[in-house]
Amino acid sequence: MFRAEALKFQAAPVPVALPPFTVEITKGNERLCFHLELVESVDVQGEYDFRVEEFYVAPAVKDGNEDVAAEVYASSGKYIDP
C-alpha cells in the first residue's frame, strides 16, 4: 500500500504561475528575439507548452545596452505560431 501511495505523489509538477519569458539568439551584430508565454497544452491535458507572443530582429547588445530602438519592427507571434 505504501509503495502505491508513494507512486501516486510522483506526478509531474504543476506550475504555480505561468510567467512570460524571452529567448534571444545572437549571431554577429543581430539578435532574433522571441517573447513567449507558458500555456496549458491543447494536445495533452495536464501538460504545458509555450506560445510565441511577439518576435523581432534587433541589433546585438553593445556595451551592456539591451534596449531595442523604437524603429525596430516587432510582429505578432500569431503569424509564426498560430
PDB file of N, CA and C in Angstrom:
ATOM      1  N   MET A   1       0.812  -1.204   0.000  1.00  0.00           N
ATOM      2  CA  MET A   1       0.000   0.000   0.000  1.00  0.00           C
ATOM      3  C   MET A   1       0.852   1.264   0.000  1.00  0.00           C
ATOM      4  N   PHE A   2       1.871   1.278   0.857  1.00  0.00           N
ATOM      5  CA  PHE A   2       2.696   2.485   0.949  1.00  0.00           C
ATOM      6  C   PHE A   2       3.353   2.802  -0.390  1.00  0.00           C
ATOM      7  N   ARG A   3       3.845   1.777  -1.093  1.00  0.00           N
ATOM      8  CA  ARG A   3       4.516   1.993  -2.370  1.00  0.00           C
ATOM      9  C   ARG A   3       3.554   2.578  -3.410  1.00  0.00           C
ATOM     10  N   ALA A   4       2.338   2.086  -3.464  1.00  0.00           N
ATOM     11  CA  ALA A   4       1.342   2.604  -4.404  1.00  0.00           C
ATOM     12  C   ALA A   4       1.036   4.064  -4.112  1.00  0.00           C
ATOM     13  N   GLU A   5       0.938   4.427  -2.844  1.00  0.00           N
ATOM     14  CA  GLU A   5       0.676   5.821  -2.493  1.00  0.00           C
ATOM     15  C   GLU A   5       1.865   6.702  -2.836  1.00  0.00           C
ATOM     16  N   ALA A   6       3.072   6.206  -2.655  1.00  0.00           N
ATOM     17  CA  ALA A   6       4.272   6.977  -2.988  1.00  0.00           C
ATOM     18  C   ALA A   6       4.330   7.244  -4.483  1.00  0.00           C
ATOM     19  N   LEU A   7       3.989   6.267  -5.300  1.00  0.00           N
ATOM     20  CA  LEU A   7       3.984   6.459  -6.744  1.00  0.00           C
ATOM     21  C   LEU A   7       2.935   7.476  -7.166  1.00  0.00           C
ATOM     22  N   LYS A   8       1.830   7.522  -6.463  1.00  0.00           N
ATOM     23  CA  LYS A   8       0.766   8.465  -6.787  1.00  0.00           C
ATOM     24  C   LYS A   8       1.249   9.909  -6.630  1.00  0.00           C
ATOM     25  N   PHE A   9       2.139  10.158  -5.681  1.00  0.00           N
ATOM     26  CA  PHE A   9       2.613  11.512  -5.421  1.00  0.00           C
ATOM     27  C   PHE A   9       3.802  11.905  -6.289  1.00  0.00           C
ATOM     28  N   GLN A  10       4.236  11.056  -7.210  1.00  0.00           N
ATOM     29  CA  GLN A  10       5.348  11.374  -8.084  1.00  0.00           C
ATOM     30  C   GLN A  10       4.873  11.915  -9.430  1.00  0.00           C
ATOM     31  N   ALA A  11       3.730  12.511  -9.469  1.00  0.00           N
ATOM     32  CA  ALA A  11       3.197  13.087 -10.704  1.00  0.00           C
ATOM     33  C   ALA A  11       4.038  14.292 -11.111  1.00  0.00           C
ATOM     34  N   ALA A  12       3.915  14.677 -12.367  1.00  0.00           N
ATOM     35  CA  ALA A  12       4.657  15.834 -12.873  1.00  0.00           C
ATOM     36  C   ALA A  12       4.288  17.084 -12.086  1.00  0.00           C
ATOM     37  N   PRO A  13       5.259  17.953 -11.826  1.00  0.00           N
ATOM     38  CA  PRO A  13       4.965  19.172 -11.073  1.00  0.00           C
ATOM     39  C   PRO A  13       4.045  20.111 -11.859  1.00  0.00           C
ATOM     40  N   VAL A  14       3.185  20.777 -11.153  1.00  0.00           N
ATOM     41  CA  VAL A  14       2.259  21.733 -11.754  1.00  0.00           C
ATOM     42  C   VAL A  14       2.774  23.134 -11.444  1.00  0.00           C
ATOM     43  N   PRO A  15       2.976  23.981 -12.468  1.00  0.00           N
ATOM     44  CA  PRO A  15       3.476  25.328 -12.200  1.00  0.00           C
ATOM     45  C   PRO A  15       2.482  26.136 -11.368  1.00  0.00           C
ATOM     46  N   VAL A  16       3.017  26.944 -10.475  1.00  0.00           N
ATOM     47  CA  VAL A  16       2.183  27.815  -9.651  1.00  0.00           C
ATOM     48  C   VAL A  16       1.751  29.026 -10.470  1.00  0.00           C
ATOM     49  N   ALA A  17       2.633  29.483 -11.364  1.00  0.00           N
ATOM     50  CA  ALA A  17       2.342  30.627 -12.227  1.00  0.00           C
ATOM     51  C   ALA A  17       2.789  30.276 -13.643  1.00  0.00           C
ATOM     52  N   LEU A  18       2.239  30.958 -14.604  1.00  0.00           N
ATOM     53  CA  LEU A  18       2.619  30.759 -15.996  1.00  0.00           C
ATOM     54  C   LEU A  18       3.292  32.043 -16.495  1.00  0.00           C
ATOM     55  N   PRO A  19       4.564  32.242 -16.143  1.00  0.00           N
ATOM     56  CA  PRO A  19       5.228  33.510 -16.443  1.00  0.00           C
ATOM     57  C   PRO A  19       5.638  33.648 -17.906  1.00  0.00           C
ATOM     58  N   PRO A  20       5.630  34.866 -18.425  1.00  0.00           N
ATOM     59  CA  PRO A  20       6.183  35.105 -19.762  1.00  0.00           C
ATOM     60  C   PRO A  20       7.709  35.036 -19.683  1.00  0.00           C
ATOM     61  N   PHE A  21       8.343  34.721 -20.798  1.00  0.00           N
ATOM     62  CA  PHE A  21       9.798  34.704 -20.830  1.00  0.00           C
ATOM     63  C   PHE A  21      10.286  35.070 -22.224  1.00  0.00           C
ATOM     64  N   THR A  22      11.577  35.400 -22.334  1.00  0.00           N
ATOM     65  CA  THR A  22      12.171  35.850 -23.584  1.00  0.00           C
ATOM     66  C   THR A  22      13.338  34.952 -23.953  1.00  0.00           C
ATOM     67  N   VAL A  23      13.446  34.647 -25.249  1.00  0.00           N
ATOM     68  CA  VAL A  23      14.588  33.909 -25.778  1.00  0.00           C
ATOM     69  C   VAL A  23      15.231  34.799 -26.830  1.00  0.00           C
ATOM     70  N   GLU A  24      16.546  34.998 -26.711  1.00  0.00           N
ATOM     71  CA  GLU A  24      17.289  35.799 -27.684  1.00  0.00           C
ATOM     72  C   GLU A  24      18.413  34.962 -28.267  1.00  0.00           C
ATOM     73  N   ILE A  25      18.530  34.987 -29.594  1.00  0.00           N
ATOM     74  CA  ILE A  25      19.602  34.285 -30.293  1.00  0.00           C
ATOM     75  C   ILE A  25      20.431  35.352 -30.991  1.00  0.00           C
ATOM     76  N   THR A  26      21.698  35.459 -30.622  1.00  0.00           N
ATOM     77  CA  THR A  26      22.569  36.480 -31.196  1.00  0.00           C
ATOM     78  C   THR A  26      23.565  35.833 -32.142  1.00  0.00           C
ATOM     79  N   LYS A  27      23.678  36.419 -33.332  1.00  0.00           N
ATOM     80  CA  LYS A  27      24.673  35.981 -34.312  1.00  0.00           C
ATOM     81  C   LYS A  27      25.229  37.235 -34.959  1.00  0.00           C
ATOM     82  N   GLY A  28      26.524  37.408 -34.831  1.00  0.00           N
ATOM     83  CA  GLY A  28      27.150  38.604 -35.388  1.00  0.00           C
ATOM     84  C   GLY A  28      26.630  39.842 -34.686  1.00  0.00           C
ATOM     85  N   ASN A  29      26.148  40.798 -35.465  1.00  0.00           N
ATOM     86  CA  ASN A  29      25.657  42.047 -34.870  1.00  0.00           C
ATOM     87  C   ASN A  29      24.133  42.133 -34.845  1.00  0.00           C
ATOM     88  N   GLU A  30      23.449  40.981 -34.951  1.00  0.00           N
ATOM     89  CA  GLU A  30      21.984  40.964 -34.873  1.00  0.00           C
ATOM     90  C   GLU A  30      21.521  39.930 -33.854  1.00  0.00           C
ATOM     91  N   ARG A  31      20.331  40.145 -33.333  1.00  0.00           N
ATOM     92  CA  ARG A  31      19.728  39.171 -32.418  1.00  0.00           C
ATOM     93  C   ARG A  31      18.271  38.956 -32.806  1.00  0.00           C
ATOM     94  N   LEU A  32      17.859  37.709 -32.754  1.00  0.00           N
ATOM     95  CA  LEU A  32      16.483  37.313 -33.019  1.00  0.00           C
ATOM     96  C   LEU A  32      15.833  37.099 -31.661  1.00  0.00           C
ATOM     97  N   CYS A  33      14.754  37.818 -31.399  1.00  0.00           N
ATOM     98  CA  CYS A  33      14.126  37.801 -30.077  1.00  0.00           C
ATOM     99  C   CYS A  33      12.707  37.253 -30.162  1.00  0.00           C
ATOM    100  N   PHE A  34      12.379  36.402 -29.215  1.00  0.00           N
ATOM    101  CA  PHE A  34      11.037  35.847 -29.098  1.00  0.00           C
ATOM    102  C   PHE A  34      10.528  36.119 -27.693  1.00  0.00           C
ATOM    103  N   HIS A  35       9.339  36.702 -27.580  1.00  0.00           N
ATOM    104  CA  HIS A  35       8.663  36.849 -26.293  1.00  0.00           C
ATOM    105  C   HIS A  35       7.612  35.746 -26.258  1.00  0.00           C
ATOM    106  N   LEU A  36       7.688  34.895 -25.226  1.00  0.00           N
ATOM    107  CA  LEU A  36       6.846  33.707 -25.153  1.00  0.00           C
ATOM    108  C   LEU A  36       6.032  33.688 -23.872  1.00  0.00           C
ATOM    109  N   GLU A  37       4.941  32.939 -23.901  1.00  0.00           N
ATOM    110  CA  GLU A  37       4.118  32.717 -22.715  1.00  0.00           C
ATOM    111  C   GLU A  37       3.964  31.224 -22.510  1.00  0.00           C
ATOM    112  N   LEU A  38       4.017  30.805 -21.265  1.00  0.00           N
ATOM    113  CA  LEU A  38       3.775  29.413 -20.907  1.00  0.00           C
ATOM    114  C   LEU A  38       2.263  29.225 -20.822  1.00  0.00           C
ATOM    115  N   VAL A  39       1.758  28.220 -21.548  1.00  0.00           N
ATOM    116  CA  VAL A  39       0.312  27.979 -21.597  1.00  0.00           C
ATOM    117  C   VAL A  39       0.029  26.489 -21.424  1.00  0.00           C
ATOM    118  N   GLU A  40      -1.198  26.170 -21.067  1.00  0.00           N
ATOM    119  CA  GLU A  40      -1.596  24.765 -20.979  1.00  0.00           C
ATOM    120  C   GLU A  40      -1.683  24.186 -22.386  1.00  0.00           C
ATOM    121  N   SER A  41      -1.212  22.969 -22.549  1.00  0.00           N
ATOM    122  CA  SER A  41      -1.207  22.303 -23.844  1.00  0.00           C
ATOM    123  C   SER A  41      -2.632  21.989 -24.288  1.00  0.00           C
ATOM    124  N   VAL A  42      -2.896  22.180 -25.580  1.00  0.00           N
ATOM    125  CA  VAL A  42      -4.206  21.809 -26.123  1.00  0.00           C
ATOM    126  C   VAL A  42      -4.193  20.353 -26.577  1.00  0.00           C
ATOM    127  N   ASP A  43      -2.997  19.784 -26.764  1.00  0.00           N
ATOM    128  CA  ASP A  43      -2.873  18.403 -27.235  1.00  0.00           C
ATOM    129  C   ASP A  43      -2.905  17.380 -26.108  1.00  0.00           C
ATOM    130  N   VAL A  44      -2.240  17.694 -24.994  1.00  0.00           N
ATOM    131  CA  VAL A  44      -2.125  16.742 -23.887  1.00  0.00           C
ATOM    132  C   VAL A  44      -2.594  17.414 -22.607  1.00  0.00           C
ATOM    133  N   GLN A  45      -3.685  16.925 -22.052  1.00  0.00           N
ATOM    134  CA  GLN A  45      -4.233  17.507 -20.830  1.00  0.00           C
ATOM    135  C   GLN A  45      -3.241  17.356 -19.680  1.00  0.00           C
ATOM    136  N   GLY A  46      -3.056  18.426 -18.924  1.00  0.00           N
ATOM    137  CA  GLY A  46      -2.143  18.413 -17.788  1.00  0.00           C
ATOM    138  C   GLY A  46      -0.707  18.753 -18.144  1.00  0.00           C
ATOM    139  N   GLU A  47      -0.404  18.928 -19.427  1.00  0.00           N
ATOM    140  CA  GLU A  47       0.941  19.300 -19.870  1.00  0.00           C
ATOM    141  C   GLU A  47       0.969  20.791 -20.198  1.00  0.00           C
ATOM    142  N   TYR A  48       2.175  21.335 -20.323  1.00  0.00           N
ATOM    143  CA  TYR A  48       2.332  22.761 -20.608  1.00  0.00           C
ATOM    144  C   TYR A  48       3.209  22.949 -21.831  1.00  0.00           C
ATOM    145  N   ASP A  49       2.976  24.028 -22.534  1.00  0.00           N
ATOM    146  CA  ASP A  49       3.690  24.359 -23.758  1.00  0.00           C
ATOM    147  C   ASP A  49       3.961  25.855 -23.728  1.00  0.00           C
ATOM    148  N   PHE A  50       4.541  26.398 -24.776  1.00  0.00           N
ATOM    149  CA  PHE A  50       4.724  27.837 -24.852  1.00  0.00           C
ATOM    150  C   PHE A  50       4.127  28.360 -26.145  1.00  0.00           C
ATOM    151  N   ARG A  51       3.808  29.646 -26.152  1.00  0.00           N
ATOM    152  CA  ARG A  51       3.226  30.304 -27.320  1.00  0.00           C
ATOM    153  C   ARG A  51       4.040  31.564 -27.603  1.00  0.00           C
ATOM    154  N   VAL A  52       4.378  31.787 -28.878  1.00  0.00           N
ATOM    155  CA  VAL A  52       5.111  32.986 -29.272  1.00  0.00           C
ATOM    156  C   VAL A  52       4.128  34.152 -29.294  1.00  0.00           C
ATOM    157  N   GLU A  53       4.396  35.167 -28.494  1.00  0.00           N
ATOM    158  CA  GLU A  53       3.545  36.357 -28.450  1.00  0.00           C
ATOM    159  C   GLU A  53       4.041  37.439 -29.403  1.00  0.00           C
ATOM    160  N   GLU A  54       5.373  37.554 -29.517  1.00  0.00           N
ATOM    161  CA  GLU A  54       5.960  38.611 -30.344  1.00  0.00           C
ATOM    162  C   GLU A  54       7.367  38.177 -30.734  1.00  0.00           C
ATOM    163  N   PHE A  55       7.818  38.617 -31.920  1.00  0.00           N
ATOM    164  CA  PHE A  55       9.198  38.352 -32.325  1.00  0.00           C
ATOM    165  C   PHE A  55       9.718  39.524 -33.136  1.00  0.00           C
ATOM    166  N   TYR A  56      11.036  39.679 -33.148  1.00  0.00           N
ATOM    167  CA  TYR A  56      11.671  40.749 -33.912  1.00  0.00           C
ATOM    168  C   TYR A  56      13.157  40.475 -34.063  1.00  0.00           C
ATOM    169  N   VAL A  57      13.781  41.159 -35.026  1.00  0.00           N
ATOM    170  CA  VAL A  57      15.226  41.126 -35.222  1.00  0.00           C
ATOM    171  C   VAL A  57      15.734  42.504 -34.832  1.00  0.00           C
ATOM    172  N   ALA A  58      16.699  42.537 -33.926  1.00  0.00           N
ATOM    173  CA  ALA A  58      17.230  43.804 -33.416  1.00  0.00           C
ATOM    174  C   ALA A  58      18.755  43.758 -33.448  1.00  0.00           C
ATOM    175  N   PRO A  59      19.387  44.923 -33.353  1.00  0.00           N
ATOM    176  CA  PRO A  59      20.854  44.931 -33.251  1.00  0.00           C
ATOM    177  C   PRO A  59      21.299  44.188 -31.991  1.00  0.00           C
ATOM    178  N   ALA A  60      22.473  43.578 -32.053  1.00  0.00           N
ATOM    179  CA  ALA A  60      23.026  42.871 -30.895  1.00  0.00           C
ATOM    180  C   ALA A  60      23.297  43.859 -29.767  1.00  0.00           C
ATOM    181  N   VAL A  61      23.364  43.338 -28.556  1.00  0.00           N
ATOM    182  CA  VAL A  61      23.638  44.164 -27.375  1.00  0.00           C
ATOM    183  C   VAL A  61      25.056  44.719 -27.475  1.00  0.00           C
ATOM    184  N   LYS A  62      25.189  46.037 -27.257  1.00  0.00           N
ATOM    185  CA  LYS A  62      26.509  46.679 -27.265  1.00  0.00           C
ATOM    186  C   LYS A  62      26.714  47.401 -25.951  1.00  0.00           C
ATOM    187  N   ASP A  63      27.869  47.206 -25.355  1.00  0.00           N
ATOM    188  CA  ASP A  63      28.238  47.885 -24.109  1.00  0.00           C
ATOM    189  C   ASP A  63      27.187  47.692 -23.017  1.00  0.00           C
ATOM    190  N   GLY A  64      26.539  46.532 -22.987  1.00  0.00           N
ATOM    191  CA  GLY A  64      25.556  46.236 -21.947  1.00  0.00           C
ATOM    192  C   GLY A  64      24.196  46.874 -22.162  1.00  0.00           C
ATOM    193  N   ASN A  65      24.018  47.620 -23.258  1.00  0.00           N
ATOM    194  CA  ASN A  65      22.738  48.277 -23.541  1.00  0.00           C
ATOM    195  C   ASN A  65      21.819  47.292 -24.270  1.00  0.00           C
ATOM    196  N   GLU A  66      20.814  46.765 -23.561  1.00  0.00           N
ATOM    197  CA  GLU A  66      19.886  45.790 -24.133  1.00  0.00           C
ATOM    198  C   GLU A  66      18.639  46.427 -24.728  1.00  0.00           C
ATOM    199  N   ASP A  67      18.530  47.747 -24.674  1.00  0.00           N
ATOM    200  CA  ASP A  67      17.343  48.424 -25.189  1.00  0.00           C
ATOM    201  C   ASP A  67      17.187  48.185 -26.687  1.00  0.00           C
ATOM    202  N   VAL A  68      15.942  48.107 -27.119  1.00  0.00           N
ATOM    203  CA  VAL A  68      15.624  47.937 -28.528  1.00  0.00           C
ATOM    204  C   VAL A  68      15.108  49.270 -29.044  1.00  0.00           C
ATOM    205  N   ALA A  69      15.713  49.744 -30.122  1.00  0.00           N
ATOM    206  CA  ALA A  69      15.324  51.039 -30.693  1.00  0.00           C
ATOM    207  C   ALA A  69      13.868  51.018 -31.152  1.00  0.00           C
ATOM    208  N   ALA A  70      13.223  52.173 -31.094  1.00  0.00           N
ATOM    209  CA  ALA A  70      11.804  52.289 -31.457  1.00  0.00           C
ATOM    210  C   ALA A  70      11.550  51.944 -32.918  1.00  0.00           C
ATOM    211  N   GLU A  71      12.544  52.105 -33.778  1.00  0.00           N
ATOM    212  CA  GLU A  71      12.330  51.827 -35.201  1.00  0.00           C
ATOM    213  C   GLU A  71      12.414  50.334 -35.549  1.00  0.00           C
ATOM    214  N   VAL A  72      12.741  49.480 -34.584  1.00  0.00           N
ATOM    215  CA  VAL A  72      12.762  48.032 -34.824  1.00  0.00           C
ATOM    216  C   VAL A  72      11.319  47.539 -34.878  1.00  0.00           C
ATOM    217  N   TYR A  73      10.979  46.864 -35.975  1.00  0.00           N
ATOM    218  CA  TYR A  73       9.617  46.377 -36.165  1.00  0.00           C
ATOM    219  C   TYR A  73       9.436  45.037 -35.458  1.00  0.00           C
ATOM    220  N   ALA A  74       8.441  44.944 -34.626  1.00  0.00           N
ATOM    221  CA  ALA A  74       8.084  43.700 -33.943  1.00  0.00           C
ATOM    222  C   ALA A  74       6.775  43.196 -34.539  1.00  0.00           C
ATOM    223  N   SER A  75       6.673  41.887 -34.681  1.00  0.00           N
ATOM    224  CA  SER A  75       5.472  41.297 -35.254  1.00  0.00           C
ATOM    225  C   SER A  75       4.800  40.377 -34.242  1.00  0.00           C
ATOM    226  N   SER A  76       3.511  40.250 -34.377  1.00  0.00           N
ATOM    227  CA  SER A  76       2.750  39.351 -33.513  1.00  0.00           C
ATOM    228  C   SER A  76       3.171  37.907 -33.770  1.00  0.00           C
ATOM    229  N   GLY A  77       3.201  37.122 -32.729  1.00  0.00           N
ATOM    230  CA  GLY A  77       3.547  35.717 -32.858  1.00  0.00           C
ATOM    231  C   GLY A  77       2.507  34.902 -33.594  1.00  0.00           C
ATOM    232  N   LYS A  78       1.307  35.436 -33.772  1.00  0.00           N
ATOM    233  CA  LYS A  78       0.251  34.659 -34.429  1.00  0.00           C
ATOM    234  C   LYS A  78       0.596  34.317 -35.879  1.00  0.00           C
ATOM    235  N   TYR A  79       1.583  35.021 -36.460  1.00  0.00           N
ATOM    236  CA  TYR A  79       1.969  34.743 -37.840  1.00  0.00           C
ATOM    237  C   TYR A  79       2.917  33.556 -37.953  1.00  0.00           C
ATOM    238  N   ILE A  80       3.650  33.242 -36.874  1.00  0.00           N
ATOM    239  CA  ILE A  80       4.554  32.099 -36.920  1.00  0.00           C
ATOM    240  C   ILE A  80       4.132  30.983 -35.971  1.00  0.00           C
ATOM    241  N   ASP A  81       3.217  31.269 -35.057  1.00  0.00           N
ATOM    242  CA  ASP A  81       2.761  30.283 -34.075  1.00  0.00           C
ATOM    243  C   ASP A  81       1.249  30.408 -33.905  1.00  0.00           C
ATOM    244  N   PRO A  82       0.493  29.951 -34.942  1.00  0.00           N
ATOM    245  CA  PRO A  82      -0.967  30.158 -34.910  1.00  0.00           C
ATOM    246  C   PRO A  82      -1.670  29.397 -33.804  1.00  0.00           C
TER     247      PRO A  82
END
